[in-house]
Structure formats: C-alpha cells, structure tokens
Amino acid sequence: MAANDTQIGGAHYKHRLYETWDVIVDWNLGYLDGNAVKYLSRWKNKGGVQDLEKAKHYIEKLIENEKANGRT
C-alpha cells in the first residue's frame, strides 16, 4: 500500500486533489516553507486560525533566515 493511500490521525488532507506532502516534494521546499504550506493547506479543515498563526510563524522564521543570509 502506498503512503498516499493512508492518513494517520484524521482526514484533513484527503479531501484535496493533491496531497500536501507531494506538493512540498514537487516544489522542493525545505522545512520552514514546507511547514507553512502544510498549515495553509489544512487550516479550514483542521486547526482554523491557529493553523494560520503557525504558517505565519514559519514564514516569519524563513524571512528572518533569508535576511540573515543576505537575501532580501
């Protein structure tokens, strides 16, 4: 059985055309931007505004890191 055939702990990703982790892999995202996409993809079906806050937090850290590395 393929990993996409099963979801552990709910169905908040299964109602989409694309699995969020497949998008993250296809777009070659890292930990910070990948997690932001994860929380943005599920906020309406799982965590609500708290998931939006989590996505924002990951984006803020990504921006912080990019600025520290001289990328503006």
PDB file of N, CA and C in Angstrom:
ATOM      1  N   MET A   1       0.849  -1.178   0.000  1.00  0.00           N
ATOM      2  CA  MET A   1       0.000   0.000   0.000  1.00  0.00           C
ATOM      3  C   MET A   1       0.897   1.244   0.000  1.00  0.00           C
ATOM      4  N   ALA A   2       0.567   2.202  -0.816  1.00  0.00           N
ATOM      5  CA  ALA A   2       1.320   3.450  -0.906  1.00  0.00           C
ATOM      6  C   ALA A   2       0.984   4.362   0.279  1.00  0.00           C
ATOM      7  N   ALA A   3       1.925   5.184   0.672  1.00  0.00           N
ATOM      8  CA  ALA A   3       1.719   6.111   1.789  1.00  0.00           C
ATOM      9  C   ALA A   3       0.534   7.040   1.546  1.00  0.00           C
ATOM     10  N   ASN A   4       0.279   7.415   0.305  1.00  0.00           N
ATOM     11  CA  ASN A   4      -0.848   8.304  -0.010  1.00  0.00           C
ATOM     12  C   ASN A   4      -2.209   7.636   0.167  1.00  0.00           C
ATOM     13  N   ASP A   5      -2.214   6.309   0.297  1.00  0.00           N
ATOM     14  CA  ASP A   5      -3.472   5.600   0.487  1.00  0.00           C
ATOM     15  C   ASP A   5      -3.955   5.626   1.933  1.00  0.00           C
ATOM     16  N   THR A   6      -3.115   6.080   2.842  1.00  0.00           N
ATOM     17  CA  THR A   6      -3.436   6.078   4.263  1.00  0.00           C
ATOM     18  C   THR A   6      -3.130   7.441   4.861  1.00  0.00           C
ATOM     19  N   GLN A   7      -3.948   7.858   5.800  1.00  0.00           N
ATOM     20  CA  GLN A   7      -3.626   9.042   6.588  1.00  0.00           C
ATOM     21  C   GLN A   7      -3.797   8.692   8.051  1.00  0.00           C
ATOM     22  N   ILE A   8      -2.794   8.977   8.829  1.00  0.00           N
ATOM     23  CA  ILE A   8      -2.820   8.721  10.258  1.00  0.00           C
ATOM     24  C   ILE A   8      -3.363   9.961  10.952  1.00  0.00           C
ATOM     25  N   GLY A   9      -4.382   9.811  11.764  1.00  0.00           N
ATOM     26  CA  GLY A   9      -4.857  10.914  12.593  1.00  0.00           C
ATOM     27  C   GLY A   9      -5.802  11.897  11.932  1.00  0.00           C
ATOM     28  N   GLY A  10      -6.731  11.446  11.141  1.00  0.00           N
ATOM     29  CA  GLY A  10      -7.722  12.362  10.582  1.00  0.00           C
ATOM     30  C   GLY A  10      -7.773  12.322   9.066  1.00  0.00           C
ATOM     31  N   ALA A  11      -8.620  13.169   8.515  1.00  0.00           N
ATOM     32  CA  ALA A  11      -8.791  13.196   7.063  1.00  0.00           C
ATOM     33  C   ALA A  11      -8.631  14.604   6.503  1.00  0.00           C
ATOM     34  N   HIS A  12      -7.940  15.476   7.213  1.00  0.00           N
ATOM     35  CA  HIS A  12      -7.850  16.875   6.809  1.00  0.00           C
ATOM     36  C   HIS A  12      -7.001  17.113   5.565  1.00  0.00           C
ATOM     37  N   TYR A  13      -6.266  16.119   5.079  1.00  0.00           N
ATOM     38  CA  TYR A  13      -5.537  16.269   3.824  1.00  0.00           C
ATOM     39  C   TYR A  13      -6.183  15.474   2.679  1.00  0.00           C
ATOM     40  N   LYS A  14      -7.032  14.519   2.994  1.00  0.00           N
ATOM     41  CA  LYS A  14      -7.542  13.579   1.996  1.00  0.00           C
ATOM     42  C   LYS A  14      -8.589  14.173   1.054  1.00  0.00           C
ATOM     43  N   HIS A  15      -9.171  15.300   1.376  1.00  0.00           N
ATOM     44  CA  HIS A  15     -10.230  15.862   0.535  1.00  0.00           C
ATOM     45  C   HIS A  15      -9.692  16.714  -0.610  1.00  0.00           C
ATOM     46  N   ARG A  16      -8.415  16.858  -0.715  1.00  0.00           N
ATOM     47  CA  ARG A  16      -7.789  17.678  -1.764  1.00  0.00           C
ATOM     48  C   ARG A  16      -7.413  16.837  -2.983  1.00  0.00           C
ATOM     49  N   LEU A  17      -7.297  17.486  -4.106  1.00  0.00           N
ATOM     50  CA  LEU A  17      -6.859  16.821  -5.329  1.00  0.00           C
ATOM     51  C   LEU A  17      -5.413  16.343  -5.194  1.00  0.00           C
ATOM     52  N   TYR A  18      -4.584  17.159  -4.530  1.00  0.00           N
ATOM     53  CA  TYR A  18      -3.167  16.842  -4.355  1.00  0.00           C
ATOM     54  C   TYR A  18      -2.857  16.686  -2.872  1.00  0.00           C
ATOM     55  N   GLU A  19      -2.056  15.690  -2.533  1.00  0.00           N
ATOM     56  CA  GLU A  19      -1.574  15.541  -1.163  1.00  0.00           C
ATOM     57  C   GLU A  19      -0.554  16.651  -0.907  1.00  0.00           C
ATOM     58  N   THR A  20      -0.658  17.271   0.244  1.00  0.00           N
ATOM     59  CA  THR A  20       0.228  18.384   0.573  1.00  0.00           C
ATOM     60  C   THR A  20       1.693  17.967   0.521  1.00  0.00           C
ATOM     61  N   TRP A  21       2.013  16.792   1.020  1.00  0.00           N
ATOM     62  CA  TRP A  21       3.424  16.393   1.005  1.00  0.00           C
ATOM     63  C   TRP A  21       3.933  16.179  -0.415  1.00  0.00           C
ATOM     64  N   ASP A  22       3.074  15.792  -1.342  1.00  0.00           N
ATOM     65  CA  ASP A  22       3.502  15.675  -2.739  1.00  0.00           C
ATOM     66  C   ASP A  22       3.829  17.040  -3.338  1.00  0.00           C
ATOM     67  N   VAL A  23       3.053  18.049  -2.980  1.00  0.00           N
ATOM     68  CA  VAL A  23       3.321  19.417  -3.426  1.00  0.00           C
ATOM     69  C   VAL A  23       4.654  19.893  -2.841  1.00  0.00           C
ATOM     70  N   ILE A  24       4.874  19.652  -1.554  1.00  0.00           N
ATOM     71  CA  ILE A  24       6.116  20.071  -0.896  1.00  0.00           C
ATOM     72  C   ILE A  24       7.319  19.426  -1.575  1.00  0.00           C
ATOM     73  N   VAL A  25       7.223  18.134  -1.863  1.00  0.00           N
ATOM     74  CA  VAL A  25       8.325  17.433  -2.530  1.00  0.00           C
ATOM     75  C   VAL A  25       8.507  17.949  -3.956  1.00  0.00           C
ATOM     76  N   ASP A  26       7.397  18.091  -4.709  1.00  0.00           N
ATOM     77  CA  ASP A  26       7.474  18.545  -6.096  1.00  0.00           C
ATOM     78  C   ASP A  26       8.082  19.939  -6.205  1.00  0.00           C
ATOM     79  N   TRP A  27       7.717  20.811  -5.260  1.00  0.00           N
ATOM     80  CA  TRP A  27       8.236  22.177  -5.275  1.00  0.00           C
ATOM     81  C   TRP A  27       9.613  22.294  -4.621  1.00  0.00           C
ATOM     82  N   ASN A  28      10.148  21.180  -4.137  1.00  0.00           N
ATOM     83  CA  ASN A  28      11.472  21.145  -3.497  1.00  0.00           C
ATOM     84  C   ASN A  28      11.564  22.144  -2.341  1.00  0.00           C
ATOM     85  N   LEU A  29      10.534  22.160  -1.491  1.00  0.00           N
ATOM     86  CA  LEU A  29      10.516  23.072  -0.359  1.00  0.00           C
ATOM     87  C   LEU A  29      11.307  22.502   0.805  1.00  0.00           C
ATOM     88  N   GLY A  30      11.799  23.384   1.632  1.00  0.00           N
ATOM     89  CA  GLY A  30      12.515  22.982   2.828  1.00  0.00           C
ATOM     90  C   GLY A  30      11.585  22.889   4.019  1.00  0.00           C
ATOM     91  N   TYR A  31      12.186  22.746   5.192  1.00  0.00           N
ATOM     92  CA  TYR A  31      11.416  22.562   6.417  1.00  0.00           C
ATOM     93  C   TYR A  31      10.498  23.746   6.694  1.00  0.00           C
ATOM     94  N   LEU A  32      11.017  24.955   6.644  1.00  0.00           N
ATOM     95  CA  LEU A  32      10.235  26.131   7.021  1.00  0.00           C
ATOM     96  C   LEU A  32       9.124  26.431   6.017  1.00  0.00           C
ATOM     97  N   ASP A  33       9.450  26.528   4.748  1.00  0.00           N
ATOM     98  CA  ASP A  33       8.409  26.823   3.761  1.00  0.00           C
ATOM     99  C   ASP A  33       7.469  25.635   3.561  1.00  0.00           C
ATOM    100  N   GLY A  34       7.975  24.427   3.701  1.00  0.00           N
ATOM    101  CA  GLY A  34       7.122  23.248   3.610  1.00  0.00           C
ATOM    102  C   GLY A  34       6.079  23.203   4.714  1.00  0.00           C
ATOM    103  N   ASN A  35       6.483  23.540   5.933  1.00  0.00           N
ATOM    104  CA  ASN A  35       5.528  23.566   7.035  1.00  0.00           C
ATOM    105  C   ASN A  35       4.511  24.685   6.864  1.00  0.00           C
ATOM    106  N   ALA A  36       4.939  25.826   6.351  1.00  0.00           N
ATOM    107  CA  ALA A  36       3.991  26.912   6.094  1.00  0.00           C
ATOM    108  C   ALA A  36       2.927  26.455   5.101  1.00  0.00           C
ATOM    109  N   VAL A  37       3.326  25.770   4.040  1.00  0.00           N
ATOM    110  CA  VAL A  37       2.375  25.248   3.062  1.00  0.00           C
ATOM    111  C   VAL A  37       1.451  24.216   3.712  1.00  0.00           C
ATOM    112  N   LYS A  38       2.012  23.369   4.555  1.00  0.00           N
ATOM    113  CA  LYS A  38       1.206  22.354   5.250  1.00  0.00           C
ATOM    114  C   LYS A  38       0.086  23.011   6.052  1.00  0.00           C
ATOM    115  N   TYR A  39       0.437  23.994   6.864  1.00  0.00           N
ATOM    116  CA  TYR A  39      -0.574  24.638   7.699  1.00  0.00           C
ATOM    117  C   TYR A  39      -1.573  25.442   6.871  1.00  0.00           C
ATOM    118  N   LEU A  40      -1.113  26.071   5.809  1.00  0.00           N
ATOM    119  CA  LEU A  40      -2.035  26.799   4.934  1.00  0.00           C
ATOM    120  C   LEU A  40      -3.004  25.856   4.224  1.00  0.00           C
ATOM    121  N   SER A  41      -2.535  24.665   3.904  1.00  0.00           N
ATOM    122  CA  SER A  41      -3.395  23.732   3.165  1.00  0.00           C
ATOM    123  C   SER A  41      -4.488  23.119   4.030  1.00  0.00           C
ATOM    124  N   ARG A  42      -4.323  23.142   5.345  1.00  0.00           N
ATOM    125  CA  ARG A  42      -5.285  22.447   6.201  1.00  0.00           C
ATOM    126  C   ARG A  42      -6.088  23.348   7.122  1.00  0.00           C
ATOM    127  N   TRP A  43      -5.836  24.640   7.141  1.00  0.00           N
ATOM    128  CA  TRP A  43      -6.408  25.499   8.169  1.00  0.00           C
ATOM    129  C   TRP A  43      -7.934  25.476   8.201  1.00  0.00           C
ATOM    130  N   LYS A  44      -8.582  25.390   7.055  1.00  0.00           N
ATOM    131  CA  LYS A  44     -10.048  25.402   7.029  1.00  0.00           C
ATOM    132  C   LYS A  44     -10.650  24.091   7.528  1.00  0.00           C
ATOM    133  N   ASN A  45      -9.889  23.004   7.454  1.00  0.00           N
ATOM    134  CA  ASN A  45     -10.419  21.694   7.794  1.00  0.00           C
ATOM    135  C   ASN A  45      -9.870  21.115   9.086  1.00  0.00           C
ATOM    136  N   LYS A  46      -8.925  21.800   9.720  1.00  0.00           N
ATOM    137  CA  LYS A  46      -8.375  21.242  10.952  1.00  0.00           C
ATOM    138  C   LYS A  46      -8.200  22.301  12.023  1.00  0.00           C
ATOM    139  N   GLY A  47      -7.184  23.151  11.901  1.00  0.00           N
ATOM    140  CA  GLY A  47      -6.787  23.992  13.016  1.00  0.00           C
ATOM    141  C   GLY A  47      -7.313  25.414  13.009  1.00  0.00           C
ATOM    142  N   GLY A  48      -8.029  25.812  11.975  1.00  0.00           N
ATOM    143  CA  GLY A  48      -8.574  27.163  11.917  1.00  0.00           C
ATOM    144  C   GLY A  48      -7.501  28.239  11.990  1.00  0.00           C
ATOM    145  N   VAL A  49      -7.809  29.308  12.686  1.00  0.00           N
ATOM    146  CA  VAL A  49      -6.897  30.454  12.783  1.00  0.00           C
ATOM    147  C   VAL A  49      -5.561  30.047  13.403  1.00  0.00           C
ATOM    148  N   GLN A  50      -5.570  29.066  14.308  1.00  0.00           N
ATOM    149  CA  GLN A  50      -4.305  28.632  14.903  1.00  0.00           C
ATOM    150  C   GLN A  50      -3.353  28.097  13.833  1.00  0.00           C
ATOM    151  N   ASP A  51      -3.868  27.383  12.841  1.00  0.00           N
ATOM    152  CA  ASP A  51      -3.007  26.919  11.751  1.00  0.00           C
ATOM    153  C   ASP A  51      -2.492  28.089  10.914  1.00  0.00           C
ATOM    154  N   LEU A  52      -3.304  29.131  10.741  1.00  0.00           N
ATOM    155  CA  LEU A  52      -2.818  30.327  10.047  1.00  0.00           C
ATOM    156  C   LEU A  52      -1.693  30.989  10.837  1.00  0.00           C
ATOM    157  N   GLU A  53      -1.827  31.025  12.149  1.00  0.00           N
ATOM    158  CA  GLU A  53      -0.766  31.586  13.002  1.00  0.00           C
ATOM    159  C   GLU A  53       0.507  30.750  12.903  1.00  0.00           C
ATOM    160  N   LYS A  54       0.357  29.438  12.843  1.00  0.00           N
ATOM    161  CA  LYS A  54       1.522  28.559  12.701  1.00  0.00           C
ATOM    162  C   LYS A  54       2.214  28.811  11.361  1.00  0.00           C
ATOM    163  N   ALA A  55       1.432  28.911  10.282  1.00  0.00           N
ATOM    164  CA  ALA A  55       2.009  29.198   8.964  1.00  0.00           C
ATOM    165  C   ALA A  55       2.755  30.522   8.992  1.00  0.00           C
ATOM    166  N   LYS A  56       2.143  31.523   9.602  1.00  0.00           N
ATOM    167  CA  LYS A  56       2.765  32.844   9.719  1.00  0.00           C
ATOM    168  C   LYS A  56       4.080  32.759  10.485  1.00  0.00           C
ATOM    169  N   HIS A  57       4.098  31.969  11.553  1.00  0.00           N
ATOM    170  CA  HIS A  57       5.305  31.817  12.369  1.00  0.00           C
ATOM    171  C   HIS A  57       6.443  31.208  11.551  1.00  0.00           C
ATOM    172  N   TYR A  58       6.133  30.166  10.760  1.00  0.00           N
ATOM    173  CA  TYR A  58       7.158  29.563   9.906  1.00  0.00           C
ATOM    174  C   TYR A  58       7.641  30.546   8.842  1.00  0.00           C
ATOM    175  N   ILE A  59       6.747  31.328   8.289  1.00  0.00           N
ATOM    176  CA  ILE A  59       7.131  32.323   7.287  1.00  0.00           C
ATOM    177  C   ILE A  59       8.010  33.406   7.914  1.00  0.00           C
ATOM    178  N   GLU A  60       7.661  33.834   9.122  1.00  0.00           N
ATOM    179  CA  GLU A  60       8.485  34.834   9.811  1.00  0.00           C
ATOM    180  C   GLU A  60       9.898  34.311  10.039  1.00  0.00           C
ATOM    181  N   LYS A  61      10.027  33.045  10.439  1.00  0.00           N
ATOM    182  CA  LYS A  61      11.354  32.454  10.645  1.00  0.00           C
ATOM    183  C   LYS A  61      12.099  32.333   9.317  1.00  0.00           C
ATOM    184  N   LEU A  62      11.403  31.975   8.252  1.00  0.00           N
ATOM    185  CA  LEU A  62      12.024  31.882   6.933  1.00  0.00           C
ATOM    186  C   LEU A  62      12.549  33.241   6.490  1.00  0.00           C
ATOM    187  N   ILE A  63      11.757  34.290   6.676  1.00  0.00           N
ATOM    188  CA  ILE A  63      12.182  35.646   6.332  1.00  0.00           C
ATOM    189  C   ILE A  63      13.403  36.040   7.161  1.00  0.00           C
ATOM    190  N   GLU A  64      13.363  35.752   8.450  1.00  0.00           N
ATOM    191  CA  GLU A  64      14.489  36.046   9.345  1.00  0.00           C
ATOM    192  C   GLU A  64      15.767  35.372   8.836  1.00  0.00           C
ATOM    193  N   ASN A  65      15.659  34.090   8.483  1.00  0.00           N
ATOM    194  CA  ASN A  65      16.826  33.364   7.983  1.00  0.00           C
ATOM    195  C   ASN A  65      17.331  33.921   6.659  1.00  0.00           C
ATOM    196  N   GLU A  66      16.421  34.253   5.760  1.00  0.00           N
ATOM    197  CA  GLU A  66      16.820  34.780   4.462  1.00  0.00           C
ATOM    198  C   GLU A  66      17.540  36.123   4.623  1.00  0.00           C
ATOM    199  N   LYS A  67      17.032  36.976   5.493  1.00  0.00           N
ATOM    200  CA  LYS A  67      17.692  38.269   5.731  1.00  0.00           C
ATOM    201  C   LYS A  67      19.058  38.079   6.368  1.00  0.00           C
ATOM    202  N   ALA A  68      19.157  37.133   7.287  1.00  0.00           N
ATOM    203  CA  ALA A  68      20.454  36.855   7.940  1.00  0.00           C
ATOM    204  C   ALA A  68      21.475  36.337   6.946  1.00  0.00           C
ATOM    205  N   ASN A  69      21.007  35.708   5.877  1.00  0.00           N
ATOM    206  CA  ASN A  69      21.891  35.194   4.836  1.00  0.00           C
ATOM    207  C   ASN A  69      22.082  36.170   3.675  1.00  0.00           C
ATOM    208  N   GLY A  70      21.651  37.418   3.882  1.00  0.00           N
ATOM    209  CA  GLY A  70      21.866  38.449   2.886  1.00  0.00           C
ATOM    210  C   GLY A  70      20.916  38.445   1.720  1.00  0.00           C
ATOM    211  N   ARG A  71      19.842  37.668   1.803  1.00  0.00           N
ATOM    212  CA  ARG A  71      18.850  37.626   0.717  1.00  0.00           C
ATOM    213  C   ARG A  71      17.660  38.474   1.118  1.00  0.00           C
ATOM    214  N   THR A  72      17.390  39.514   0.337  1.00  0.00           N
ATOM    215  CA  THR A  72      16.282  40.425   0.672  1.00  0.00           C
ATOM    216  C   THR A  72      15.244  40.437  -0.429  1.00  0.00           C
TER     217      THR A  72
END
